[in-house]
Amino acid sequence: MSSPFNNGPWWVAPSKSGIGRTVTLKTSLLISIIVGIIAGTIGASSSGSLFGHSVSLVRSTSAIERPAGSVAEIAQRVLPSVVSIDAKSKDGEATGSGFVIDSSGYILTNNHVIAASVASGGNIAVQLNDGTSFPAKVIGRDSSYDLAVLKISGAKLKALQFGDSDKVAVGDSVIAIGSPLGLSGTVTLGIISAKDRAVTAGESSAENSFINALQTDAAINPGNSGGPLVDATGAVIGVNSAIASLSASLGSQSGSIGLGFAIPINQARKTANQLIKSGKATYPVMGISVDMNYSGDGALIAKSAKAIMPGGPAAKAGLKSGDIITAIDDRSITSPEELIVVVRSHNVGDEVVVAYKRGSATGSVKLTLTASK
């Protein structure tokens, strides 16, 4: 997603095997002869004769209808508000996507698209769908949610409409728009394959993000990062952020395999508002440290003296080092990453019910999430 595309061609040459090989030499010659005859007769059609008969060639004037709500109509309406992002750094160049969230010039994208450029003091440029390019200023970014807000000046922009990602249902039709492999204005169609996927993404341990993601089979490839995932009305319901790929032992396939993930727009909107207001974003916490190496079911509160933050929500609720958290509200917790994702999907100030195991005993407590420091 943020990788430079200078490692050879992105296309794959057609295989010499397959349907093409079922065409025999005799058939090929016959096809060539027929094509030659047709080409010759059409070329002479100005004389009004085809195989000795009078003909009249008619051009079709029927128009293709693109009613409101069709993929073509939505694409035409959304594309002008989707941008390509070029972020230069000392190590090279990264490309990604973004979209206009405010007509005054604010653009939302993924943090990982611009992180290397920001770290090295590089330049970031935003290219609109019409090809015009503008220098961009970083308003704020947050690696925890993998989101960043840029701003450009001097362009006439139209912001996209936000949908409600909480109301999205599995099976809903969606459209992903962006610049995969640098090919701006690319549109792909799919459905919501799943909700509430606990996805951990990032290019380093210091830049890890934890996403309570929407999963889609719409084709998402490197360069789509930061682009919008829109619903059947053209409203944004997610920010395309990550893809799953097969390991080398499973065939070395890269790019889209029908497993793409997007940050729900309800979360992205909250973070974007915070970044615009203060340049920083906060997220809710329980006030605990979890053991990221724990491999059993649930999330283990680290067995250390500093695992429970003094005066924090967990401490007030009576949770202890060594407790294993098994559920938040009605959602089961199966791993440390899932606990982090579920907590961060809430708002600061939300009250949650935490189910836990302590030795052979089980229990539950209520606590109120506070803002990260």
Protein backbone atom coordinates (compact mmCIF):
# COMPACT_ATOMS: atom_id res chain seq x y z
CA MET A 1 0.00 0.00 0.00
CA SER A 2 2.75 2.41 0.67
CA SER A 3 5.39 0.54 -1.30
CA PRO A 4 6.99 2.08 -4.40
CA PHE A 5 6.06 0.33 -7.61
CA ASN A 6 9.46 -0.11 -9.22
CA ASN A 7 9.88 -3.85 -8.92
CA GLY A 8 8.95 -4.79 -12.46
CA PRO A 9 5.69 -4.87 -14.41
CA TRP A 10 2.42 -5.10 -12.50
CA TRP A 11 0.78 -7.01 -15.29
CA VAL A 12 1.04 -10.72 -15.97
CA ALA A 13 1.47 -11.98 -19.51
CA PRO A 14 -1.24 -14.35 -20.73
CA SER A 15 -0.42 -18.02 -20.32
CA LYS A 16 0.36 -20.04 -23.39
CA SER A 17 -1.96 -22.74 -22.11
CA GLY A 18 -5.73 -22.60 -21.91
CA ILE A 19 -8.54 -21.74 -24.30
CA GLY A 20 -6.25 -20.15 -26.86
CA ARG A 21 -4.60 -23.49 -27.60
CA THR A 22 -7.89 -25.10 -28.66
CA VAL A 23 -7.85 -23.06 -31.89
CA THR A 24 -6.37 -25.34 -34.57
CA LEU A 25 -4.31 -24.19 -37.50
CA LYS A 26 -7.16 -24.96 -39.91
CA THR A 27 -9.58 -22.94 -37.81
CA SER A 28 -7.14 -20.05 -37.60
CA LEU A 29 -6.76 -19.96 -41.36
CA LEU A 30 -10.53 -20.06 -41.82
CA ILE A 31 -11.02 -17.20 -39.40
CA SER A 32 -8.34 -15.20 -41.18
CA ILE A 33 -9.99 -15.78 -44.54
CA ILE A 34 -13.43 -14.74 -43.25
CA VAL A 35 -12.01 -11.62 -41.61
CA GLY A 36 -10.22 -10.79 -44.84
CA ILE A 37 -13.40 -11.16 -46.89
CA ILE A 38 -15.43 -9.04 -44.49
CA ALA A 39 -12.76 -6.36 -44.34
CA GLY A 40 -12.56 -6.25 -48.09
CA THR A 41 -16.30 -6.08 -48.62
CA ILE A 42 -16.84 -3.45 -45.97
CA GLY A 43 -14.09 -1.43 -47.54
CA ALA A 44 -16.04 -1.60 -50.80
CA SER A 45 -19.39 -0.97 -49.17
CA SER A 46 -19.37 2.59 -50.47
CA SER A 47 -20.40 1.10 -53.81
CA GLY A 48 -23.54 -0.22 -52.10
CA SER A 49 -22.72 -3.88 -52.78
CA LEU A 50 -21.99 -6.71 -50.35
CA PHE A 51 -21.56 -10.16 -51.94
CA GLY A 52 -23.43 -8.73 -54.94
CA HIS A 53 -26.38 -7.49 -52.91
CA SER A 54 -27.36 -3.91 -52.11
CA VAL A 55 -26.84 -3.00 -48.44
CA SER A 56 -27.42 -0.03 -46.17
CA LEU A 57 -25.22 0.24 -43.08
CA VAL A 58 -27.07 1.77 -40.13
CA ARG A 59 -25.34 3.36 -37.14
CA SER A 60 -27.01 2.79 -33.77
CA THR A 61 -28.06 5.95 -31.97
CA SER A 62 -29.50 4.28 -28.85
CA ALA A 63 -28.08 5.60 -25.56
CA ILE A 64 -27.00 3.50 -22.58
CA GLU A 65 -29.14 4.37 -19.58
CA ARG A 66 -27.30 4.95 -16.32
CA PRO A 67 -30.07 5.46 -13.78
CA ALA A 68 -29.47 6.97 -10.35
CA GLY A 69 -27.99 4.32 -8.10
CA SER A 70 -26.21 2.41 -10.86
CA VAL A 71 -22.51 1.73 -10.42
CA ALA A 72 -21.69 4.04 -13.34
CA GLU A 73 -23.81 6.88 -11.93
CA ILE A 74 -22.28 6.53 -8.46
CA ALA A 75 -18.77 6.43 -9.90
CA GLN A 76 -19.33 9.59 -11.95
CA ARG A 77 -20.65 11.35 -8.85
CA VAL A 78 -17.93 10.19 -6.43
CA LEU A 79 -14.79 10.18 -8.59
CA PRO A 80 -14.27 14.00 -8.62
CA SER A 81 -13.86 13.88 -4.82
CA VAL A 82 -11.31 11.03 -4.79
CA VAL A 83 -7.62 11.94 -5.03
CA SER A 84 -4.26 10.29 -5.61
CA ILE A 85 -1.48 10.95 -3.12
CA ASP A 86 2.22 10.98 -3.90
CA ALA A 87 4.45 11.04 -0.81
CA LYS A 88 8.20 11.35 -1.35
CA SER A 89 10.71 10.31 1.29
CA LYS A 90 14.46 9.76 1.47
CA ASP A 91 13.86 6.08 0.79
CA GLY A 92 11.73 6.56 -2.29
CA GLU A 93 8.15 7.34 -3.12
CA ALA A 94 4.83 6.03 -1.84
CA THR A 95 1.47 6.32 -3.54
CA GLY A 96 -1.99 6.07 -2.10
CA SER A 97 -5.49 7.45 -2.25
CA GLY A 98 -7.67 9.83 -0.29
CA PHE A 99 -10.97 11.66 -0.48
CA VAL A 100 -12.34 15.10 0.23
CA ILE A 101 -14.13 15.40 3.58
CA ASP A 102 -14.56 19.18 3.56
CA SER A 103 -14.83 21.55 0.60
CA SER A 104 -12.30 23.90 2.20
CA GLY A 105 -9.56 21.42 1.26
CA TYR A 106 -9.40 18.74 3.95
CA ILE A 107 -8.58 15.25 2.69
CA LEU A 108 -8.69 11.98 4.64
CA THR A 109 -6.22 9.18 3.96
CA ASN A 110 -4.25 6.46 5.76
CA ASN A 111 -1.36 7.37 8.01
CA HIS A 112 0.85 4.68 6.50
CA VAL A 113 0.59 6.36 3.07
CA ILE A 114 2.43 9.45 4.31
CA ALA A 115 4.30 8.23 7.41
CA ALA A 116 7.69 7.74 5.75
CA SER A 117 7.46 11.09 3.98
CA VAL A 118 6.60 12.92 7.21
CA ALA A 119 9.42 11.19 9.09
CA SER A 120 12.01 12.24 6.51
CA GLY A 121 10.65 15.71 5.78
CA GLY A 122 9.61 14.81 2.25
CA ASN A 123 7.03 16.48 0.02
CA ILE A 124 3.44 15.31 -0.34
CA ALA A 125 1.36 16.07 -3.41
CA VAL A 126 -2.35 15.52 -4.04
CA GLN A 127 -3.60 14.95 -7.56
CA LEU A 128 -7.28 15.50 -8.33
CA ASN A 129 -9.27 13.30 -10.68
CA ASP A 130 -8.89 15.90 -13.45
CA GLY A 131 -5.10 15.60 -13.27
CA THR A 132 -4.30 18.87 -11.49
CA SER A 133 -1.82 18.58 -8.64
CA PHE A 134 -1.44 20.54 -5.40
CA PRO A 135 1.10 20.48 -2.55
CA ALA A 136 -0.42 19.13 0.65
CA LYS A 137 0.07 20.05 4.27
CA VAL A 138 -0.28 17.44 7.02
CA ILE A 139 -2.90 18.64 9.52
CA GLY A 140 -2.59 15.63 11.80
CA ARG A 141 -2.07 11.90 11.79
CA ASP A 142 -2.64 8.98 14.13
CA SER A 143 -0.96 5.59 13.80
CA SER A 144 -3.31 3.91 16.28
CA TYR A 145 -6.21 4.19 13.83
CA ASP A 146 -4.00 4.52 10.72
CA LEU A 147 -5.62 7.80 9.69
CA ALA A 148 -4.28 11.17 8.55
CA VAL A 149 -5.76 14.47 7.43
CA LEU A 150 -4.15 16.57 4.68
CA LYS A 151 -5.09 20.01 3.41
CA ILE A 152 -4.69 21.62 0.01
CA SER A 153 -5.46 25.17 -1.09
CA GLY A 154 -6.62 26.71 -4.35
CA ALA A 155 -8.85 23.91 -5.62
CA LYS A 156 -12.62 23.79 -6.03
CA LEU A 157 -13.62 20.68 -4.13
CA LYS A 158 -16.80 18.84 -3.25
CA ALA A 159 -16.85 16.75 -0.09
CA LEU A 160 -18.22 13.23 -0.11
CA GLN A 161 -21.25 12.36 1.99
CA PHE A 162 -20.67 10.19 5.05
CA GLY A 163 -22.84 7.12 5.61
CA ASP A 164 -23.44 5.20 8.85
CA SER A 165 -21.08 2.24 9.13
CA ASP A 166 -22.97 0.91 12.15
CA LYS A 167 -25.95 0.20 9.89
CA VAL A 168 -23.97 -1.70 7.26
CA ALA A 169 -25.07 -5.31 6.80
CA VAL A 170 -23.17 -8.30 5.48
CA GLY A 171 -24.08 -8.68 1.81
CA ASP A 172 -24.55 -4.96 1.13
CA SER A 173 -23.14 -3.84 -2.22
CA VAL A 174 -20.08 -1.57 -2.03
CA ILE A 175 -17.73 0.22 -4.40
CA ALA A 176 -14.03 0.80 -3.74
CA ILE A 177 -12.42 3.79 -5.46
CA GLY A 178 -8.78 4.77 -5.53
CA SER A 179 -5.43 4.53 -7.28
CA PRO A 180 -4.22 0.91 -7.15
CA LEU A 181 -0.67 0.61 -8.49
CA GLY A 182 -0.86 4.31 -9.33
CA LEU A 183 -3.83 3.87 -11.69
CA SER A 184 -5.98 6.79 -10.55
CA GLY A 185 -9.76 6.73 -10.75
CA THR A 186 -10.07 2.94 -10.53
CA VAL A 187 -13.50 1.62 -9.51
CA THR A 188 -14.19 -1.93 -8.25
CA LEU A 189 -17.42 -3.53 -7.10
CA GLY A 190 -18.12 -6.02 -4.33
CA ILE A 191 -20.06 -6.67 -1.15
CA ILE A 192 -19.53 -6.42 2.58
CA SER A 193 -18.17 -9.87 3.39
CA ALA A 194 -18.03 -9.48 7.17
CA LYS A 195 -18.09 -6.90 9.95
CA ASP A 196 -16.06 -6.38 13.11
CA ARG A 197 -12.92 -8.08 11.85
CA ALA A 198 -10.04 -7.55 14.26
CA VAL A 199 -7.24 -6.45 11.93
CA THR A 200 -3.75 -5.42 12.99
CA ALA A 201 -1.83 -3.50 10.35
CA GLY A 202 1.39 -1.55 10.24
CA GLU A 203 4.89 -1.50 8.82
CA SER A 204 6.64 -1.42 12.19
CA SER A 205 5.84 -2.20 15.81
CA ALA A 206 5.85 1.52 16.55
CA GLU A 207 3.28 2.23 13.82
CA ASN A 208 0.83 -0.61 14.40
CA SER A 209 -2.86 0.15 14.00
CA PHE A 210 -5.76 -1.88 15.34
CA ILE A 211 -8.86 -1.81 13.18
CA ASN A 212 -12.37 -3.07 13.90
CA ALA A 213 -12.68 -3.50 10.16
CA LEU A 214 -15.32 -3.94 7.51
CA GLN A 215 -14.29 -6.81 5.23
CA THR A 216 -15.03 -6.62 1.51
CA ASP A 217 -14.36 -8.65 -1.61
CA ALA A 218 -14.18 -5.53 -3.79
CA ALA A 219 -10.71 -5.59 -5.34
CA ILE A 220 -8.30 -3.55 -3.20
CA ASN A 221 -4.63 -3.40 -4.13
CA PRO A 222 -1.51 -1.44 -3.14
CA GLY A 223 -2.32 2.21 -3.80
CA ASN A 224 -5.99 1.88 -2.80
CA SER A 225 -5.03 2.76 0.78
CA GLY A 226 -6.92 5.79 2.03
CA GLY A 227 -9.56 5.70 -0.68
CA PRO A 228 -13.29 5.52 0.06
CA LEU A 229 -15.48 2.45 0.30
CA VAL A 230 -18.96 3.68 -0.61
CA ASP A 231 -22.41 2.11 -0.35
CA ALA A 232 -25.19 1.82 -2.92
CA THR A 233 -26.10 5.48 -2.42
CA GLY A 234 -22.55 6.76 -2.91
CA ALA A 235 -22.07 7.56 0.79
CA VAL A 236 -18.71 6.69 2.36
CA ILE A 237 -18.91 3.82 4.84
CA GLY A 238 -15.21 3.01 5.16
CA VAL A 239 -11.61 3.96 4.45
CA ASN A 240 -9.81 1.23 2.49
CA SER A 241 -6.74 0.36 4.52
CA ALA A 242 -5.45 -3.21 4.31
CA ILE A 243 -5.48 -6.42 2.33
CA ALA A 244 -4.76 -10.01 3.23
CA SER A 245 -2.27 -11.83 1.01
CA LEU A 246 -1.16 -15.42 0.76
CA SER A 247 2.19 -16.43 2.18
CA ALA A 248 4.90 -17.84 -0.04
CA SER A 249 3.98 -21.36 1.03
CA LEU A 250 0.46 -20.78 -0.31
CA GLY A 251 1.39 -19.80 -3.82
CA SER A 252 3.14 -16.42 -3.59
CA GLN A 253 0.06 -14.57 -4.86
CA SER A 254 0.16 -10.83 -4.26
CA GLY A 255 -2.45 -8.13 -4.60
CA SER A 256 -6.17 -8.61 -4.13
CA ILE A 257 -7.41 -12.07 -3.25
CA GLY A 258 -10.86 -10.86 -2.26
CA LEU A 259 -9.93 -10.04 1.33
CA GLY A 260 -9.86 -6.27 1.78
CA PHE A 261 -10.42 -4.32 4.98
CA ALA A 262 -11.71 -0.81 5.61
CA ILE A 263 -11.84 1.39 8.70
CA PRO A 264 -15.54 2.05 9.49
CA ILE A 265 -16.36 5.65 8.64
CA ASN A 266 -17.98 6.32 12.04
CA GLN A 267 -14.58 5.78 13.65
CA ALA A 268 -12.72 7.60 10.90
CA ARG A 269 -14.99 10.63 11.19
CA LYS A 270 -14.37 10.97 14.94
CA THR A 271 -10.63 10.71 14.47
CA ALA A 272 -10.62 13.14 11.54
CA ASN A 273 -12.52 15.73 13.58
CA GLN A 274 -9.97 15.43 16.40
CA LEU A 275 -7.05 15.75 14.00
CA ILE A 276 -8.53 18.86 12.37
CA LYS A 277 -9.22 20.51 15.73
CA SER A 278 -5.96 19.74 17.52
CA GLY A 279 -3.66 17.79 15.20
CA LYS A 280 -3.91 14.81 17.55
CA ALA A 281 -6.37 12.02 18.28
CA THR A 282 -7.20 10.07 21.40
CA TYR A 283 -8.66 6.63 21.85
CA PRO A 284 -10.42 4.88 24.74
CA VAL A 285 -8.49 2.65 27.15
CA MET A 286 -9.20 0.32 30.06
CA GLY A 287 -5.98 1.21 31.87
CA ILE A 288 -4.25 -2.15 31.50
CA SER A 289 -1.28 -3.70 29.72
CA VAL A 290 -1.92 -6.99 27.97
CA ASP A 291 0.50 -9.80 27.21
CA MET A 292 0.77 -9.75 23.41
CA ASN A 293 2.52 -13.15 23.46
CA TYR A 294 -0.37 -14.92 25.18
CA SER A 295 -1.69 -17.65 22.88
CA GLY A 296 -4.66 -18.96 24.84
CA ASP A 297 -8.28 -17.87 24.43
CA GLY A 298 -8.93 -14.36 25.65
CA ALA A 299 -6.53 -11.54 26.54
CA LEU A 300 -4.19 -11.90 29.50
CA ILE A 301 -3.55 -8.85 31.66
CA ALA A 302 0.24 -8.85 31.89
CA LYS A 303 1.74 -10.40 35.01
CA SER A 304 3.68 -7.34 36.12
CA ALA A 305 3.39 -4.70 38.79
CA LYS A 306 2.68 -1.99 36.18
CA ALA A 307 0.01 -3.94 34.26
CA ILE A 308 -2.86 -2.10 36.01
CA MET A 309 -2.76 1.70 35.73
CA PRO A 310 -3.28 3.23 39.19
CA GLY A 311 -6.63 5.01 39.36
CA GLY A 312 -7.57 3.77 35.89
CA PRO A 313 -10.87 2.13 34.88
CA ALA A 314 -9.61 -1.43 35.39
CA ALA A 315 -8.13 -0.64 38.80
CA LYS A 316 -11.39 0.98 39.95
CA ALA A 317 -13.37 -2.02 38.72
CA GLY A 318 -11.16 -4.50 40.61
CA LEU A 319 -9.41 -6.24 37.72
CA LYS A 320 -5.99 -7.68 38.58
CA SER A 321 -2.74 -8.67 36.93
CA GLY A 322 -3.07 -12.21 35.55
CA ASP A 323 -6.82 -11.96 34.86
CA ILE A 324 -7.90 -13.25 31.46
CA ILE A 325 -10.50 -11.08 29.72
CA THR A 326 -12.94 -13.26 27.78
CA ALA A 327 -15.60 -10.80 26.61
CA ILE A 328 -16.48 -7.13 26.27
CA ASP A 329 -20.24 -6.68 26.48
CA ASP A 330 -21.61 -9.49 24.29
CA ARG A 331 -18.53 -9.88 22.08
CA SER A 332 -16.15 -12.73 22.83
CA ILE A 333 -12.45 -11.91 23.09
CA THR A 334 -10.15 -14.52 21.59
CA SER A 335 -6.81 -12.68 21.48
CA PRO A 336 -4.96 -9.63 22.86
CA GLU A 337 -5.30 -7.89 19.47
CA GLU A 338 -9.05 -8.40 19.47
CA LEU A 339 -9.35 -6.84 22.93
CA ILE A 340 -7.52 -3.73 21.76
CA VAL A 341 -9.64 -3.49 18.61
CA VAL A 342 -12.90 -3.89 20.50
CA VAL A 343 -11.99 -1.28 23.12
CA ARG A 344 -10.89 1.21 20.46
CA SER A 345 -14.15 0.76 18.58
CA HIS A 346 -15.90 2.45 21.51
CA ASN A 347 -15.98 6.09 22.56
CA VAL A 348 -14.26 7.70 25.50
CA GLY A 349 -16.81 7.66 28.32
CA ASP A 350 -18.60 4.48 27.21
CA GLU A 351 -19.47 1.99 29.94
CA VAL A 352 -18.66 -1.62 29.08
CA VAL A 353 -19.15 -4.97 30.80
CA VAL A 354 -15.92 -6.95 31.07
CA ALA A 355 -16.07 -10.73 31.58
CA TYR A 356 -12.91 -12.34 32.94
CA LYS A 357 -11.36 -15.50 34.39
CA ARG A 358 -9.21 -15.48 37.51
CA GLY A 359 -7.77 -18.93 38.05
CA SER A 360 -10.75 -21.30 38.02
CA ALA A 361 -13.24 -18.56 38.91
CA THR A 362 -15.14 -16.31 36.50
CA GLY A 363 -16.66 -12.89 36.98
CA SER A 364 -17.69 -9.66 35.32
CA VAL A 365 -17.33 -5.97 36.10
CA LYS A 366 -18.53 -2.68 34.65
CA LEU A 367 -16.05 0.07 33.87
CA THR A 368 -16.00 3.39 32.05
CA LEU A 369 -13.41 3.84 29.32
CA THR A 370 -11.14 6.86 29.60
CA ALA A 371 -9.00 8.71 27.06
CA SER A 372 -5.48 7.58 26.31
CA LYS A 373 -2.71 9.73 27.72
